[in-house]
C-alpha atoms as a PDB file:
ATOM      1  CA  MET A   1      -0.052  -0.228  -0.095  1.00  0.00           C
ATOM      2  CA  LYS A   2       1.178   3.436  -0.709  1.00  0.00           C
ATOM      3  CA  THR A   3       1.571   5.736   1.869  1.00  0.00           C
ATOM      4  CA  VAL A   4       0.905   9.558   1.000  1.00  0.00           C
ATOM      5  CA  THR A   5       1.873  11.960   4.126  1.00  0.00           C
ATOM      6  CA  LEU A   6      -1.070  15.132   4.408  1.00  0.00           C
ATOM      7  CA  THR A   7      -0.846  18.299   6.192  1.00  0.00           C
ATOM      8  CA  LEU A   8      -3.861  19.985   6.843  1.00  0.00           C
ATOM      9  CA  LYS A   9      -4.671  23.939   7.084  1.00  0.00           C
ATOM     10  CA  LEU A  10      -7.877  24.421   8.611  1.00  0.00           C
ATOM     11  CA  PRO A  11      -9.474  27.070  10.462  1.00  0.00           C
ATOM     12  CA  GLY A  12      -8.496  26.428  14.041  1.00  0.00           C
ATOM     13  CA  ALA A  13     -12.370  25.652  15.097  1.00  0.00           C
ATOM     14  CA  LEU A  14     -12.849  23.240  12.683  1.00  0.00           C
ATOM     15  CA  ALA A  15      -9.932  21.485  13.661  1.00  0.00           C
ATOM     16  CA  ALA A  16     -10.569  21.389  16.792  1.00  0.00           C
ATOM     17  CA  GLU A  17     -13.968  19.978  16.175  1.00  0.00           C
ATOM     18  CA  ALA A  18     -12.414  17.379  14.262  1.00  0.00           C
ATOM     19  CA  GLY A  19      -9.981  16.098  16.674  1.00  0.00           C
ATOM     20  CA  GLU A  20     -12.745  15.745  19.182  1.00  0.00           C
ATOM     21  CA  ALA A  21     -14.780  13.912  16.931  1.00  0.00           C
ATOM     22  CA  GLY A  22     -11.809  11.666  16.323  1.00  0.00           C
ATOM     23  CA  LEU A  23     -12.208  12.554  12.514  1.00  0.00           C
ATOM     24  CA  LEU A  24      -8.309  13.458  11.960  1.00  0.00           C
ATOM     25  CA  THR A  25      -6.896   9.892  12.691  1.00  0.00           C
ATOM     26  CA  SER A  26      -5.637   7.918   9.625  1.00  0.00           C
ATOM     27  CA  GLU A  27      -8.529   5.791   9.605  1.00  0.00           C
ATOM     28  CA  SER A  28     -11.196   8.318   9.457  1.00  0.00           C
ATOM     29  CA  LEU A  29      -9.870  10.158   7.230  1.00  0.00           C
ATOM     30  CA  THR A  30      -9.607   7.125   5.081  1.00  0.00           C
ATOM     31  CA  ALA A  31     -12.445   6.167   5.208  1.00  0.00           C
ATOM     32  CA  LEU A  32     -14.086  10.086   4.673  1.00  0.00           C
ATOM     33  CA  LEU A  33     -12.139   9.997   1.692  1.00  0.00           C
ATOM     34  CA  ARG A  34     -13.600   6.262   0.161  1.00  0.00           C
ATOM     35  CA  ARG A  35     -16.715   7.360   0.903  1.00  0.00           C
ATOM     36  CA  GLU A  36     -15.984  10.733  -1.170  1.00  0.00           C
ATOM     37  CA  VAL A  37     -14.580   8.914  -3.899  1.00  0.00           C
ATOM     38  CA  GLN A  38     -17.553   5.946  -3.957  1.00  0.00           C
ATOM     39  CA  HIS A  39     -19.826   9.368  -3.849  1.00  0.00           C
ATOM     40  CA  ARG A  40     -18.616  10.782  -7.312  1.00  0.00           C
ATOM     41  CA  ARG A  41     -17.714   7.614  -9.036  1.00  0.00           C
ATOM     42  CA  VAL A  42     -21.535   8.042  -8.504  1.00  0.00           C
ATOM     43  CA  ASP A  43     -22.413  10.720  -9.044  1.00  0.00           C
ATOM     44  CA  ASN A  44     -20.166  11.103 -12.382  1.00  0.00           C
ATOM     45  CA  LEU A  45     -22.513   7.824 -13.433  1.00  0.00           C
ATOM     46  CA  ILE A  46     -25.773   9.597 -13.319  1.00  0.00           C
ATOM     47  CA  ALA A  47     -24.615  12.020 -15.335  1.00  0.00           C
ATOM     48  CA  ALA A  48     -23.709  10.057 -17.744  1.00  0.00           C
ATOM     49  CA  ILE A  49     -26.633   8.244 -17.658  1.00  0.00           C
ATOM     50  CA  GLU A  50     -28.492  11.464 -17.825  1.00  0.00           C
ATOM     51  CA  ARG A  51     -25.931  12.684 -20.783  1.00  0.00           C
ATOM     52  CA  LEU A  52     -27.498   9.070 -22.769  1.00  0.00           C
ATOM     53  CA  ASP A  53     -30.745  10.021 -21.821  1.00  0.00           C
ATOM     54  CA  ARG A  54     -31.054  13.650 -23.642  1.00  0.00           C
ATOM     55  CA  GLU A  55     -29.337  12.028 -26.819  1.00  0.00           C
ATOM     56  CA  GLU A  56     -31.833  11.843 -29.501  1.00  0.00           C
ATOM     57  CA  THR A  57     -30.654   7.644 -30.151  1.00  0.00           C
ATOM     58  CA  ASP A  58     -33.137   5.022 -32.680  1.00  0.00           C
ATOM     59  CA  THR A  59     -33.984   2.315 -29.388  1.00  0.00           C
ATOM     60  CA  LEU A  60     -35.788  -0.210 -30.589  1.00  0.00           C
ATOM     61  CA  GLY A  61     -38.618  -2.020 -28.061  1.00  0.00           C
ATOM     62  CA  ILE A  62     -38.289  -5.534 -27.200  1.00  0.00           C
ATOM     63  CA  GLU A  63     -41.289  -6.262 -30.169  1.00  0.00           C
ATOM     64  CA  GLU A  64     -39.042  -4.954 -32.494  1.00  0.00           C
ATOM     65  CA  ILE A  65     -35.605  -6.831 -31.335  1.00  0.00           C
ATOM     66  CA  ALA A  66     -37.961 -10.313 -31.135  1.00  0.00           C
ATOM     67  CA  ALA A  67     -38.854  -9.547 -35.188  1.00  0.00           C
ATOM     68  CA  GLU A  68     -35.062  -8.399 -35.122  1.00  0.00           C
ATOM     69  CA  ILE A  69     -34.074 -11.575 -33.709  1.00  0.00           C
ATOM     70  CA  ALA A  70     -36.367 -14.031 -35.632  1.00  0.00           C
ATOM     71  CA  ALA A  71     -35.770 -12.665 -38.793  1.00  0.00           C
ATOM     72  CA  ALA A  72     -32.140 -13.245 -39.092  1.00  0.00           C
ATOM     73  CA  ARG A  73     -32.805 -16.663 -37.450  1.00  0.00           C
ATOM     74  CA  ALA A  74     -35.036 -17.347 -40.660  1.00  0.00           C
ATOM     75  CA  GLU A  75     -32.487 -15.538 -43.178  1.00  0.00           C
ATOM     76  CA  ARG A  76     -30.100 -18.005 -41.543  1.00  0.00           C
ATOM     77  CA  ARG A  77     -32.153 -20.756 -42.129  1.00  0.00           C
ATOM     78  CA  SER A  78     -32.902 -19.884 -45.717  1.00  0.00           C
ATOM     79  CA  GLY A  79     -29.361 -19.541 -45.971  1.00  0.00           C
ATOM     80  CA  ALA A  80     -28.352 -23.180 -44.906  1.00  0.00           C
ATOM     81  CA  SER A  81     -31.512 -24.699 -46.846  1.00  0.00           C
ATOM     82  CA  CYS A  82     -29.618 -22.750 -49.916  1.00  0.00           C
ATOM     83  CA  SER A  83     -26.550 -24.317 -49.535  1.00  0.00           C
END
């Protein structure tokens, strides 16, 4: 595991409150950073989904997909029987 040493400049009151709450330990900061990284991943995923929703795309419905599959199977069968 790679380790990083951080030096933080925090307002005195925040540093005191965070220290009293046990938030300035390596374990607590690691947990906070992990949650934030996960939160940003989810935000990025949601943003990507929203971008895709805004784009004009031709999507097929279940019936259209089934028809395409049936047509491809029929074409394959007719091609195999002609050979």
